[in-house]
Amino acid sequence: MSETRPMPKIPEGVFSEEQLQKINGGLDVCSAQQLSDLFSGLQQNYETLIDFTSYVIERVADALPSGTP
């Protein structure tokens, strides 16, 4: 049997109240440009997270003593 997880709570401050209202309203409230801007912002945040994660991994790897697997 497949169970579905409930949607996680969105952390405070990620979206403004206006953005949440537009998201909750669906496509009839947001224009194509607004959706495009939202997705572009999400993509930019994702890429920033990837860069940061790579940086942390490199720092940790460089801090390990040589010969540590």
N, C-alpha and C. Protein backbone atom coordinates (compact mmCIF):
# COMPACT_ATOMS: atom_id res chain seq x y z
N MET A 1 0.84 -1.17 0.00
CA MET A 1 0.00 0.00 0.00
C MET A 1 0.90 1.24 0.00
N SER A 2 0.57 2.17 -0.84
CA SER A 2 1.36 3.38 -0.99
C SER A 2 0.75 4.51 -0.16
N GLU A 3 1.55 5.07 0.73
CA GLU A 3 1.07 6.19 1.53
C GLU A 3 1.64 7.49 0.98
N THR A 4 0.86 8.53 1.04
CA THR A 4 1.35 9.84 0.61
C THR A 4 1.65 10.68 1.82
N ARG A 5 2.79 11.33 1.76
CA ARG A 5 3.17 12.22 2.85
C ARG A 5 2.36 13.50 2.77
N PRO A 6 2.07 14.09 3.91
CA PRO A 6 1.42 15.40 3.86
C PRO A 6 2.42 16.46 3.37
N MET A 7 1.90 17.51 2.77
CA MET A 7 2.77 18.57 2.28
C MET A 7 3.49 19.22 3.45
N PRO A 8 4.82 19.36 3.37
CA PRO A 8 5.55 19.99 4.47
C PRO A 8 5.18 21.47 4.59
N LYS A 9 5.30 21.99 5.81
CA LYS A 9 5.00 23.41 6.06
C LYS A 9 6.08 24.27 5.41
N ILE A 10 5.67 25.32 4.75
CA ILE A 10 6.61 26.26 4.13
C ILE A 10 7.21 27.11 5.24
N PRO A 11 8.54 27.19 5.33
CA PRO A 11 9.16 28.00 6.40
C PRO A 11 8.72 29.45 6.31
N GLU A 12 8.62 30.09 7.47
CA GLU A 12 8.22 31.50 7.54
C GLU A 12 9.22 32.36 6.77
N GLY A 13 8.74 33.35 6.04
CA GLY A 13 9.59 34.32 5.37
C GLY A 13 10.06 33.91 3.98
N VAL A 14 9.75 32.69 3.54
CA VAL A 14 10.18 32.26 2.20
C VAL A 14 9.36 32.97 1.14
N PHE A 15 8.05 33.03 1.36
CA PHE A 15 7.15 33.71 0.42
C PHE A 15 6.42 34.82 1.15
N SER A 16 6.14 35.89 0.43
CA SER A 16 5.33 36.96 1.01
C SER A 16 3.87 36.52 1.02
N GLU A 17 3.05 37.23 1.78
CA GLU A 17 1.63 36.91 1.83
C GLU A 17 1.00 37.02 0.45
N GLU A 18 1.42 38.01 -0.33
CA GLU A 18 0.90 38.20 -1.67
C GLU A 18 1.26 37.01 -2.57
N GLN A 19 2.51 36.54 -2.47
CA GLN A 19 2.92 35.39 -3.27
C GLN A 19 2.12 34.14 -2.89
N LEU A 20 1.90 33.94 -1.59
CA LEU A 20 1.12 32.78 -1.16
C LEU A 20 -0.31 32.84 -1.70
N GLN A 21 -0.91 34.02 -1.71
CA GLN A 21 -2.26 34.17 -2.23
C GLN A 21 -2.30 33.82 -3.71
N LYS A 22 -1.27 34.25 -4.46
CA LYS A 22 -1.23 33.95 -5.89
C LYS A 22 -1.02 32.47 -6.13
N ILE A 23 -0.17 31.85 -5.34
CA ILE A 23 0.08 30.42 -5.48
C ILE A 23 -1.20 29.65 -5.16
N ASN A 24 -1.86 30.01 -4.09
CA ASN A 24 -3.09 29.33 -3.69
C ASN A 24 -4.21 29.52 -4.70
N GLY A 25 -4.19 30.63 -5.44
CA GLY A 25 -5.25 30.91 -6.40
C GLY A 25 -5.10 30.16 -7.70
N GLY A 26 -3.95 29.59 -7.95
CA GLY A 26 -3.74 28.84 -9.18
C GLY A 26 -3.44 29.73 -10.36
N LEU A 27 -3.63 29.17 -11.53
CA LEU A 27 -3.25 29.86 -12.76
C LEU A 27 -4.14 31.05 -13.09
N ASP A 28 -5.35 31.07 -12.57
CA ASP A 28 -6.24 32.18 -12.91
C ASP A 28 -5.84 33.48 -12.23
N VAL A 29 -4.98 33.43 -11.21
CA VAL A 29 -4.55 34.63 -10.50
C VAL A 29 -3.19 35.12 -11.01
N CYS A 30 -2.34 34.20 -11.43
CA CYS A 30 -0.99 34.55 -11.87
C CYS A 30 -0.93 34.63 -13.38
N SER A 31 -0.22 35.64 -13.85
CA SER A 31 0.01 35.74 -15.28
C SER A 31 1.16 34.81 -15.65
N ALA A 32 1.32 34.57 -16.94
CA ALA A 32 2.42 33.72 -17.41
C ALA A 32 3.76 34.32 -17.00
N GLN A 33 3.88 35.63 -17.06
CA GLN A 33 5.14 36.29 -16.69
C GLN A 33 5.42 36.12 -15.20
N GLN A 34 4.40 36.23 -14.37
CA GLN A 34 4.58 36.05 -12.94
C GLN A 34 5.02 34.62 -12.61
N LEU A 35 4.42 33.65 -13.29
CA LEU A 35 4.83 32.26 -13.09
C LEU A 35 6.27 32.05 -13.55
N SER A 36 6.61 32.65 -14.68
CA SER A 36 7.98 32.54 -15.19
C SER A 36 8.97 33.16 -14.21
N ASP A 37 8.63 34.31 -13.66
CA ASP A 37 9.50 34.96 -12.67
C ASP A 37 9.65 34.10 -11.42
N LEU A 38 8.56 33.50 -10.97
CA LEU A 38 8.59 32.63 -9.79
C LEU A 38 9.51 31.44 -10.04
N PHE A 39 9.35 30.78 -11.18
CA PHE A 39 10.17 29.61 -11.49
C PHE A 39 11.63 30.00 -11.69
N SER A 40 11.88 31.16 -12.27
CA SER A 40 13.27 31.62 -12.43
C SER A 40 13.92 31.84 -11.08
N GLY A 41 13.17 32.44 -10.15
CA GLY A 41 13.69 32.65 -8.80
C GLY A 41 13.96 31.34 -8.09
N LEU A 42 13.05 30.38 -8.24
CA LEU A 42 13.26 29.07 -7.63
C LEU A 42 14.49 28.38 -8.22
N GLN A 43 14.66 28.48 -9.53
CA GLN A 43 15.82 27.87 -10.18
C GLN A 43 17.11 28.53 -9.69
N GLN A 44 17.12 29.84 -9.57
CA GLN A 44 18.31 30.55 -9.11
C GLN A 44 18.64 30.13 -7.67
N ASN A 45 17.62 30.01 -6.82
CA ASN A 45 17.85 29.57 -5.44
C ASN A 45 18.38 28.15 -5.40
N TYR A 46 17.87 27.28 -6.26
CA TYR A 46 18.34 25.90 -6.33
C TYR A 46 19.81 25.86 -6.74
N GLU A 47 20.17 26.64 -7.75
CA GLU A 47 21.56 26.67 -8.21
C GLU A 47 22.49 27.23 -7.14
N THR A 48 22.03 28.22 -6.39
CA THR A 48 22.82 28.76 -5.28
C THR A 48 23.02 27.69 -4.22
N LEU A 49 21.98 26.93 -3.92
CA LEU A 49 22.09 25.85 -2.94
C LEU A 49 23.09 24.79 -3.41
N ILE A 50 23.08 24.45 -4.69
CA ILE A 50 24.03 23.48 -5.24
C ILE A 50 25.45 24.01 -5.09
N ASP A 51 25.67 25.28 -5.44
CA ASP A 51 27.01 25.88 -5.31
C ASP A 51 27.48 25.86 -3.86
N PHE A 52 26.60 26.21 -2.94
CA PHE A 52 26.96 26.23 -1.52
C PHE A 52 27.29 24.82 -1.03
N THR A 53 26.47 23.85 -1.41
CA THR A 53 26.70 22.47 -1.00
C THR A 53 28.04 21.97 -1.55
N SER A 54 28.34 22.27 -2.80
CA SER A 54 29.62 21.87 -3.38
C SER A 54 30.78 22.51 -2.63
N TYR A 55 30.63 23.77 -2.26
CA TYR A 55 31.67 24.48 -1.51
C TYR A 55 31.91 23.79 -0.17
N VAL A 56 30.82 23.45 0.54
CA VAL A 56 30.97 22.80 1.84
C VAL A 56 31.63 21.43 1.69
N ILE A 57 31.22 20.68 0.69
CA ILE A 57 31.82 19.36 0.46
C ILE A 57 33.32 19.49 0.18
N GLU A 58 33.70 20.46 -0.64
CA GLU A 58 35.13 20.68 -0.93
C GLU A 58 35.89 21.05 0.34
N ARG A 59 35.31 21.93 1.16
CA ARG A 59 35.99 22.33 2.41
C ARG A 59 36.18 21.15 3.34
N VAL A 60 35.16 20.32 3.47
CA VAL A 60 35.26 19.14 4.33
C VAL A 60 36.28 18.16 3.77
N ALA A 61 36.24 17.94 2.46
CA ALA A 61 37.18 17.01 1.84
C ALA A 61 38.62 17.51 2.00
N ASP A 62 38.83 18.81 1.85
CA ASP A 62 40.18 19.37 2.01
C ASP A 62 40.65 19.30 3.46
N ALA A 63 39.73 19.30 4.41
CA ALA A 63 40.11 19.27 5.83
C ALA A 63 40.45 17.86 6.31
N LEU A 64 40.02 16.84 5.55
CA LEU A 64 40.35 15.47 5.95
C LEU A 64 41.82 15.21 5.75
N PRO A 65 42.43 14.46 6.66
CA PRO A 65 43.83 14.12 6.48
C PRO A 65 44.03 13.22 5.25
N SER A 66 45.17 13.33 4.64
CA SER A 66 45.48 12.51 3.47
C SER A 66 45.43 11.04 3.89
N GLY A 67 44.93 10.22 3.00
CA GLY A 67 44.86 8.80 3.29
C GLY A 67 43.57 8.37 3.95
N THR A 68 42.72 9.33 4.33
CA THR A 68 41.43 8.97 4.91
C THR A 68 40.47 8.66 3.75
N PRO A 69 39.89 7.48 3.78
CA PRO A 69 39.00 7.12 2.67
C PRO A 69 37.74 7.93 2.62
